[in-house]
PDB file of N, CA and C in Angstrom:
ATOM      1  N   UNK A   1      80.967  60.481 108.622  1.00  0.00           N
ATOM      2  CA  UNK A   1      79.822  61.222 108.146  1.00  0.00           C
ATOM      3  C   UNK A   1      78.601  60.302 108.190  1.00  0.00           C
ATOM      4  N   UNK A   2      77.483  60.828 108.654  1.00  0.00           N
ATOM      5  CA  UNK A   2      76.242  60.071 108.658  1.00  0.00           C
ATOM      6  C   UNK A   2      75.764  59.909 107.222  1.00  0.00           C
ATOM      7  N   UNK A   3      75.189  58.738 106.934  1.00  0.00           N
ATOM      8  CA  UNK A   3      74.770  58.476 105.558  1.00  0.00           C
ATOM      9  C   UNK A   3      73.642  59.385 105.097  1.00  0.00           C
ATOM     10  N   UNK A   4      72.904  59.988 106.016  1.00  0.00           N
ATOM     11  CA  UNK A   4      71.836  60.918 105.611  1.00  0.00           C
ATOM     12  C   UNK A   4      72.411  62.113 104.843  1.00  0.00           C
ATOM     13  N   UNK A   5      73.683  62.409 105.089  1.00  0.00           N
ATOM     14  CA  UNK A   5      74.347  63.528 104.404  1.00  0.00           C
ATOM     15  C   UNK A   5      75.189  63.061 103.218  1.00  0.00           C
ATOM     16  N   UNK A   6      75.198  61.760 102.958  1.00  0.00           N
ATOM     17  CA  UNK A   6      76.031  61.227 101.888  1.00  0.00           C
ATOM     18  C   UNK A   6      75.487  61.613 100.511  1.00  0.00           C
ATOM     19  N   UNK A   7      76.364  61.619  99.551  1.00  0.00           N
ATOM     20  CA  UNK A   7      75.979  61.933  98.179  1.00  0.00           C
ATOM     21  C   UNK A   7      74.919  60.960  97.649  1.00  0.00           C
ATOM     22  N   UNK A   8      75.072  59.646  97.849  1.00  0.00           N
ATOM     23  CA  UNK A   8      74.030  58.740  97.347  1.00  0.00           C
ATOM     24  C   UNK A   8      72.655  58.983  97.985  1.00  0.00           C
ATOM     25  N   UNK A   9      72.618  59.266  99.277  1.00  0.00           N
ATOM     26  CA  UNK A   9      71.325  59.501  99.921  1.00  0.00           C
ATOM     27  C   UNK A   9      70.713  60.801  99.422  1.00  0.00           C
ATOM     28  N   UNK A  10      71.525  61.822  99.258  1.00  0.00           N
ATOM     29  CA  UNK A  10      71.021  63.090  98.729  1.00  0.00           C
ATOM     30  C   UNK A  10      70.501  62.906  97.302  1.00  0.00           C
ATOM     31  N   UNK A  11      71.186  62.070  96.530  1.00  0.00           N
ATOM     32  CA  UNK A  11      70.722  61.787  95.166  1.00  0.00           C
ATOM     33  C   UNK A  11      69.396  61.040  95.203  1.00  0.00           C
ATOM     34  N   UNK A  12      69.249  60.101  96.127  1.00  0.00           N
ATOM     35  CA  UNK A  12      67.995  59.373  96.264  1.00  0.00           C
ATOM     36  C   UNK A  12      66.852  60.332  96.588  1.00  0.00           C
ATOM     37  N   UNK A  13      67.098  61.268  97.468  1.00  0.00           N
ATOM     38  CA  UNK A  13      66.067  62.259  97.788  1.00  0.00           C
ATOM     39  C   UNK A  13      65.699  63.084  96.561  1.00  0.00           C
ATOM     40  N   UNK A  14      66.710  63.475  95.790  1.00  0.00           N
ATOM     41  CA  UNK A  14      66.450  64.250  94.568  1.00  0.00           C
ATOM     42  C   UNK A  14      65.612  63.432  93.581  1.00  0.00           C
ATOM     43  N   UNK A  15      65.895  62.142  93.479  1.00  0.00           N
ATOM     44  CA  UNK A  15      65.119  61.280  92.595  1.00  0.00           C
ATOM     45  C   UNK A  15      63.669  61.171  93.065  1.00  0.00           C
ATOM     46  N   UNK A  16      63.460  61.113  94.366  1.00  0.00           N
ATOM     47  CA  UNK A  16      62.098  61.069  94.895  1.00  0.00           C
ATOM     48  C   UNK A  16      61.344  62.358  94.582  1.00  0.00           C
ATOM     49  N   UNK A  17      62.029  63.489  94.714  1.00  0.00           N
ATOM     50  CA  UNK A  17      61.395  64.778  94.392  1.00  0.00           C
ATOM     51  C   UNK A  17      61.051  64.821  92.902  1.00  0.00           C
ATOM     52  N   UNK A  18      61.999  64.414  92.058  1.00  0.00           N
ATOM     53  CA  UNK A  18      61.757  64.404  90.616  1.00  0.00           C
ATOM     54  C   UNK A  18      60.568  63.517  90.267  1.00  0.00           C
ATOM     55  N   UNK A  19      60.498  62.350  90.881  1.00  0.00           N
ATOM     56  CA  UNK A  19      59.404  61.421  90.602  1.00  0.00           C
ATOM     57  C   UNK A  19      58.068  61.988  91.087  1.00  0.00           C
ATOM     58  N   UNK A  20      58.077  62.637  92.246  1.00  0.00           N
ATOM     59  CA  UNK A  20      56.832  63.248  92.751  1.00  0.00           C
ATOM     60  C   UNK A  20      56.347  64.321  91.779  1.00  0.00           C
ATOM     61  N   UNK A  21      57.265  65.149  91.333  1.00  0.00           N
ATOM     62  CA  UNK A  21      56.893  66.213  90.400  1.00  0.00           C
ATOM     63  C   UNK A  21      56.462  65.649  89.054  1.00  0.00           C
ATOM     64  N   UNK A  22      57.118  64.580  88.597  1.00  0.00           N
ATOM     65  CA  UNK A  22      56.735  63.942  87.329  1.00  0.00           C
ATOM     66  C   UNK A  22      55.318  63.365  87.417  1.00  0.00           C
ATOM     67  N   UNK A  23      54.938  62.953  88.627  1.00  0.00           N
ATOM     68  CA  UNK A  23      53.577  62.455  88.857  1.00  0.00           C
ATOM     69  C   UNK A  23      52.591  63.602  89.043  1.00  0.00           C
ATOM     70  N   UNK A  24      53.096  64.825  88.897  1.00  0.00           N
ATOM     71  CA  UNK A  24      52.295  66.049  89.046  1.00  0.00           C
ATOM     72  C   UNK A  24      51.603  66.109  90.405  1.00  0.00           C
ATOM     73  N   UNK A  25      52.388  65.774  91.422  1.00  0.00           N
ATOM     74  CA  UNK A  25      51.887  65.808  92.789  1.00  0.00           C
ATOM     75  C   UNK A  25      52.627  66.871  93.581  1.00  0.00           C
ATOM     76  N   UNK A  26      51.892  67.585  94.411  1.00  0.00           N
ATOM     77  CA  UNK A  26      52.511  68.514  95.354  1.00  0.00           C
ATOM     78  C   UNK A  26      52.878  67.734  96.616  1.00  0.00           C
ATOM     79  N   UNK A  27      53.643  68.375  97.468  1.00  0.00           N
ATOM     80  CA  UNK A  27      53.929  67.760  98.761  1.00  0.00           C
ATOM     81  C   UNK A  27      52.631  67.497  99.508  1.00  0.00           C
ATOM     82  N   UNK A  28      51.694  68.412  99.395  1.00  0.00           N
ATOM     83  CA  UNK A  28      50.399  68.251 100.071  1.00  0.00           C
ATOM     84  C   UNK A  28      49.644  67.047  99.521  1.00  0.00           C
ATOM     85  N   UNK A  29      49.657  66.874  98.203  1.00  0.00           N
ATOM     86  CA  UNK A  29      48.993  65.721  97.591  1.00  0.00           C
ATOM     87  C   UNK A  29      49.578  64.415  98.132  1.00  0.00           C
ATOM     88  N   UNK A  30      50.904  64.345  98.129  1.00  0.00           N
ATOM     89  CA  UNK A  30      51.571  63.135  98.590  1.00  0.00           C
ATOM     90  C   UNK A  30      51.313  62.897 100.067  1.00  0.00           C
ATOM     91  N   UNK A  31      51.396  63.937 100.854  1.00  0.00           N
ATOM     92  CA  UNK A  31      51.181  63.758 102.293  1.00  0.00           C
ATOM     93  C   UNK A  31      49.769  63.247 102.575  1.00  0.00           C
ATOM     94  N   UNK A  32      48.798  63.695 101.804  1.00  0.00           N
ATOM     95  CA  UNK A  32      47.428  63.208 101.980  1.00  0.00           C
ATOM     96  C   UNK A  32      47.341  61.713 101.662  1.00  0.00           C
ATOM     97  N   UNK A  33      48.016  61.294 100.608  1.00  0.00           N
ATOM     98  CA  UNK A  33      48.029  59.867 100.256  1.00  0.00           C
ATOM     99  C   UNK A  33      48.700  59.036 101.334  1.00  0.00           C
ATOM    100  N   UNK A  34      49.742  59.603 101.942  1.00  0.00           N
ATOM    101  CA  UNK A  34      50.497  58.884 102.970  1.00  0.00           C
ATOM    102  C   UNK A  34      49.819  58.940 104.338  1.00  0.00           C
ATOM    103  N   UNK A  35      48.852  59.846 104.471  1.00  0.00           N
ATOM    104  CA  UNK A  35      48.210  60.023 105.769  1.00  0.00           C
ATOM    105  C   UNK A  35      49.130  60.685 106.777  1.00  0.00           C
ATOM    106  N   UNK A  36      49.997  61.535 106.276  1.00  0.00           N
ATOM    107  CA  UNK A  36      50.976  62.239 107.106  1.00  0.00           C
ATOM    108  C   UNK A  36      50.851  63.731 106.854  1.00  0.00           C
ATOM    109  N   UNK A  37      51.388  64.566 107.762  1.00  0.00           N
ATOM    110  CA  UNK A  37      51.356  66.014 107.512  1.00  0.00           C
ATOM    111  C   UNK A  37      52.308  66.386 106.365  1.00  0.00           C
ATOM    112  N   UNK A  38      52.039  67.508 105.736  1.00  0.00           N
ATOM    113  CA  UNK A  38      52.895  67.990 104.639  1.00  0.00           C
ATOM    114  C   UNK A  38      54.330  68.166 105.112  1.00  0.00           C
ATOM    115  N   UNK A  39      54.525  68.513 106.368  1.00  0.00           N
ATOM    116  CA  UNK A  39      55.877  68.714 106.893  1.00  0.00           C
ATOM    117  C   UNK A  39      56.703  67.427 106.844  1.00  0.00           C
ATOM    118  N   UNK A  40      56.056  66.266 106.913  1.00  0.00           N
ATOM    119  CA  UNK A  40      56.753  64.980 106.801  1.00  0.00           C
ATOM    120  C   UNK A  40      57.460  64.891 105.447  1.00  0.00           C
ATOM    121  N   UNK A  41      56.725  65.200 104.378  1.00  0.00           N
ATOM    122  CA  UNK A  41      57.292  65.156 103.027  1.00  0.00           C
ATOM    123  C   UNK A  41      58.392  66.205 102.895  1.00  0.00           C
ATOM    124  N   UNK A  42      58.117  67.401 103.360  1.00  0.00           N
ATOM    125  CA  UNK A  42      59.095  68.477 103.279  1.00  0.00           C
ATOM    126  C   UNK A  42      60.392  68.115 103.997  1.00  0.00           C
ATOM    127  N   UNK A  43      60.266  67.550 105.181  1.00  0.00           N
ATOM    128  CA  UNK A  43      61.465  67.232 105.970  1.00  0.00           C
ATOM    129  C   UNK A  43      62.301  66.130 105.337  1.00  0.00           C
ATOM    130  N   UNK A  44      61.679  65.088 104.823  1.00  0.00           N
ATOM    131  CA  UNK A  44      62.527  64.060 104.214  1.00  0.00           C
ATOM    132  C   UNK A  44      63.086  64.542 102.890  1.00  0.00           C
ATOM    133  N   UNK A  45      62.330  65.348 102.126  1.00  0.00           N
ATOM    134  CA  UNK A  45      62.860  65.851 100.859  1.00  0.00           C
ATOM    135  C   UNK A  45      64.052  66.768 101.074  1.00  0.00           C
ATOM    136  N   UNK A  46      64.082  67.498 102.166  1.00  0.00           N
ATOM    137  CA  UNK A  46      65.211  68.394 102.465  1.00  0.00           C
ATOM    138  C   UNK A  46      66.332  67.688 103.222  1.00  0.00           C
ATOM    139  N   UNK A  47      66.135  66.426 103.552  1.00  0.00           N
ATOM    140  CA  UNK A  47      67.168  65.683 104.259  1.00  0.00           C
ATOM    141  C   UNK A  47      67.170  65.936 105.755  1.00  0.00           C
ATOM    142  N   UNK A  48      66.115  66.514 106.273  1.00  0.00           N
ATOM    143  CA  UNK A  48      66.033  66.767 107.709  1.00  0.00           C
ATOM    144  C   UNK A  48      65.505  65.556 108.465  1.00  0.00           C
ATOM    145  N   UNK A  49      64.913  64.638 107.734  1.00  0.00           N
ATOM    146  CA  UNK A  49      64.365  63.428 108.331  1.00  0.00           C
ATOM    147  C   UNK A  49      64.734  62.258 107.428  1.00  0.00           C
ATOM    148  N   UNK A  50      65.186  61.192 108.043  1.00  0.00           N
ATOM    149  CA  UNK A  50      65.595  60.017 107.287  1.00  0.00           C
ATOM    150  C   UNK A  50      64.395  59.102 107.045  1.00  0.00           C
ATOM    151  N   UNK A  51      64.319  58.552 105.842  1.00  0.00           N
ATOM    152  CA  UNK A  51      63.299  57.556 105.534  1.00  0.00           C
ATOM    153  C   UNK A  51      63.842  56.167 105.825  1.00  0.00           C
ATOM    154  N   UNK A  52      63.063  55.348 106.523  1.00  0.00           N
ATOM    155  CA  UNK A  52      63.482  53.956 106.647  1.00  0.00           C
ATOM    156  C   UNK A  52      63.002  53.216 105.395  1.00  0.00           C
ATOM    157  N   UNK A  53      63.354  51.963 105.270  1.00  0.00           N
ATOM    158  CA  UNK A  53      63.073  51.230 104.035  1.00  0.00           C
ATOM    159  C   UNK A  53      61.569  51.083 103.785  1.00  0.00           C
ATOM    160  N   UNK A  54      60.781  50.873 104.817  1.00  0.00           N
ATOM    161  CA  UNK A  54      59.340  50.743 104.642  1.00  0.00           C
ATOM    162  C   UNK A  54      58.738  52.070 104.191  1.00  0.00           C
ATOM    163  N   UNK A  55      59.188  53.161 104.799  1.00  0.00           N
ATOM    164  CA  UNK A  55      58.717  54.488 104.394  1.00  0.00           C
ATOM    165  C   UNK A  55      59.109  54.788 102.946  1.00  0.00           C
ATOM    166  N   UNK A  56      60.341  54.442 102.580  1.00  0.00           N
ATOM    167  CA  UNK A  56      60.817  54.650 101.216  1.00  0.00           C
ATOM    168  C   UNK A  56      59.927  53.909 100.217  1.00  0.00           C
ATOM    169  N   UNK A  57      59.637  52.635 100.502  1.00  0.00           N
ATOM    170  CA  UNK A  57      58.790  51.853  99.603  1.00  0.00           C
ATOM    171  C   UNK A  57      57.384  52.449  99.505  1.00  0.00           C
ATOM    172  N   UNK A  58      56.856  52.910 100.612  1.00  0.00           N
ATOM    173  CA  UNK A  58      55.525  53.512 100.626  1.00  0.00           C
ATOM    174  C   UNK A  58      55.498  54.815  99.817  1.00  0.00           C
ATOM    175  N   UNK A  59      56.519  55.642  99.985  1.00  0.00           N
ATOM    176  CA  UNK A  59      56.597  56.887  99.214  1.00  0.00           C
ATOM    177  C   UNK A  59      56.703  56.568  97.723  1.00  0.00           C
ATOM    178  N   UNK A  60      57.613  55.668  97.371  1.00  0.00           N
ATOM    179  CA  UNK A  60      57.803  55.321  95.957  1.00  0.00           C
ATOM    180  C   UNK A  60      56.502  54.808  95.348  1.00  0.00           C
ATOM    181  N   UNK A  61      55.815  53.932  96.055  1.00  0.00           N
ATOM    182  CA  UNK A  61      54.549  53.382  95.547  1.00  0.00           C
ATOM    183  C   UNK A  61      53.525  54.490  95.312  1.00  0.00           C
ATOM    184  N   UNK A  62      53.476  55.445  96.221  1.00  0.00           N
ATOM    185  CA  UNK A  62      52.470  56.512  96.126  1.00  0.00           C
ATOM    186  C   UNK A  62      52.782  57.569  95.079  1.00  0.00           C
ATOM    187  N   UNK A  63      54.004  57.620  94.600  1.00  0.00           N
ATOM    188  CA  UNK A  63      54.343  58.543  93.509  1.00  0.00           C
ATOM    189  C   UNK A  63      54.528  57.784  92.191  1.00  0.00           C
ATOM    190  N   UNK A  64      54.109  56.524  92.201  1.00  0.00           N
ATOM    191  CA  UNK A  64      54.211  55.647  91.035  1.00  0.00           C
ATOM    192  C   UNK A  64      55.638  55.529  90.500  1.00  0.00           C
ATOM    193  N   UNK A  65      56.586  55.441  91.407  1.00  0.00           N
ATOM    194  CA  UNK A  65      57.988  55.259  91.030  1.00  0.00           C
ATOM    195  C   UNK A  65      58.407  53.831  91.369  1.00  0.00           C
ATOM    196  N   UNK A  66      59.273  53.274  90.551  1.00  0.00           N
ATOM    197  CA  UNK A  66      59.800  51.936  90.794  1.00  0.00           C
ATOM    198  C   UNK A  66      60.927  52.058  91.822  1.00  0.00           C
ATOM    199  N   UNK A  67      60.717  51.566  93.040  1.00  0.00           N
ATOM    200  CA  UNK A  67      61.753  51.727  94.066  1.00  0.00           C
ATOM    201  C   UNK A  67      63.057  51.038  93.688  1.00  0.00           C
ATOM    202  N   UNK A  68      62.959  49.929  92.959  1.00  0.00           N
ATOM    203  CA  UNK A  68      64.162  49.205  92.566  1.00  0.00           C
ATOM    204  C   UNK A  68      64.973  50.009  91.553  1.00  0.00           C
ATOM    205  N   UNK A  69      64.287  50.694  90.653  1.00  0.00           N
ATOM    206  CA  UNK A  69      64.989  51.547  89.690  1.00  0.00           C
ATOM    207  C   UNK A  69      65.665  52.709  90.396  1.00  0.00           C
ATOM    208  N   UNK A  70      64.990  53.291  91.371  1.00  0.00           N
ATOM    209  CA  UNK A  70      65.600  54.390  92.134  1.00  0.00           C
ATOM    210  C   UNK A  70      66.878  53.918  92.806  1.00  0.00           C
ATOM    211  N   UNK A  71      66.835  52.736  93.409  1.00  0.00           N
ATOM    212  CA  UNK A  71      68.022  52.201  94.076  1.00  0.00           C
ATOM    213  C   UNK A  71      69.124  51.846  93.077  1.00  0.00           C
ATOM    214  N   UNK A  72      68.718  51.328  91.913  1.00  0.00           N
ATOM    215  CA  UNK A  72      69.723  51.015  90.878  1.00  0.00           C
ATOM    216  C   UNK A  72      70.462  52.276  90.439  1.00  0.00           C
ATOM    217  N   UNK A  73      69.773  53.408  90.458  1.00  0.00           N
ATOM    218  CA  UNK A  73      70.409  54.656  90.036  1.00  0.00           C
ATOM    219  C   UNK A  73      71.479  55.128  91.012  1.00  0.00           C
ATOM    220  N   UNK A  74      71.336  54.800  92.285  1.00  0.00           N
ATOM    221  CA  UNK A  74      72.356  55.237  93.246  1.00  0.00           C
ATOM    222  C   UNK A  74      73.385  54.145  93.545  1.00  0.00           C
ATOM    223  N   UNK A  75      73.104  52.923  93.134  1.00  0.00           N
ATOM    224  CA  UNK A  75      74.013  51.816  93.435  1.00  0.00           C
ATOM    225  C   UNK A  75      75.449  52.048  92.949  1.00  0.00           C
ATOM    226  N   UNK A  76      75.667  52.573  91.735  1.00  0.00           N
ATOM    227  CA  UNK A  76      77.053  52.806  91.306  1.00  0.00           C
ATOM    228  C   UNK A  76      77.819  53.739  92.255  1.00  0.00           C
ATOM    229  N   UNK A  77      77.122  54.681  92.848  1.00  0.00           N
ATOM    230  CA  UNK A  77      77.775  55.593  93.788  1.00  0.00           C
ATOM    231  C   UNK A  77      78.227  54.830  95.028  1.00  0.00           C
ATOM    232  N   UNK A  78      77.426  53.877  95.444  1.00  0.00           N
ATOM    233  CA  UNK A  78      77.772  53.075  96.615  1.00  0.00           C
ATOM    234  C   UNK A  78      78.949  52.156  96.305  1.00  0.00           C
ATOM    235  N   UNK A  79      78.912  51.544  95.134  1.00  0.00           N
ATOM    236  CA  UNK A  79      79.987  50.639  94.726  1.00  0.00           C
ATOM    237  C   UNK A  79      81.306  51.394  94.608  1.00  0.00           C
ATOM    238  N   UNK A  80      81.223  52.627  94.124  1.00  0.00           N
ATOM    239  CA  UNK A  80      82.431  53.442  93.955  1.00  0.00           C
ATOM    240  C   UNK A  80      83.001  53.928  95.279  1.00  0.00           C
ATOM    241  N   UNK A  81      82.294  53.619  96.371  1.00  0.00           N
ATOM    242  CA  UNK A  81      82.804  54.006  97.684  1.00  0.00           C
ATOM    243  C   UNK A  81      82.471  55.419  98.083  1.00  0.00           C
ATOM    244  N   UNK A  82      81.385  55.959  97.538  1.00  0.00           N
ATOM    245  CA  UNK A  82      81.011  57.329  97.866  1.00  0.00           C
ATOM    246  C   UNK A  82      80.513  57.470  99.293  1.00  0.00           C
ATOM    247  N   UNK A  83      80.106  56.360  99.921  1.00  0.00           N
ATOM    248  CA  UNK A  83      79.589  56.432 101.297  1.00  0.00           C
ATOM    249  C   UNK A  83      80.661  55.976 102.259  1.00  0.00           C
ATOM    250  N   UNK A  84      80.974  56.815 103.185  1.00  0.00           N
ATOM    251  CA  UNK A  84      81.915  56.493 104.248  1.00  0.00           C
ATOM    252  C   UNK A  84      81.112  56.188 105.497  1.00  0.00           C
ATOM    253  N   UNK A  85      81.334  55.042 106.107  1.00  0.00           N
ATOM    254  CA  UNK A  85      80.612  54.732 107.342  1.00  0.00           C
ATOM    255  C   UNK A  85      81.559  54.645 108.508  1.00  0.00           C
TER     256      UNK A  85
END
């Protein structure tokens, strides 16, 4: 299974959505900050597009989320072997 479909990656996406909403930002607001089309945000939030590490850090910074905390939240899933490669 590709990791984009893994439980930890899906959880990471959910955390990004939660953080964006907690920052009271729409997808359009975030996309404007990122200098990307709204479809970019929509596609990665739905898991249709994978974020690389630089993109992840940029998104987290723009929604005022601590990227390290987000990763700490999914780390137990990785340790438990939830990701099959």
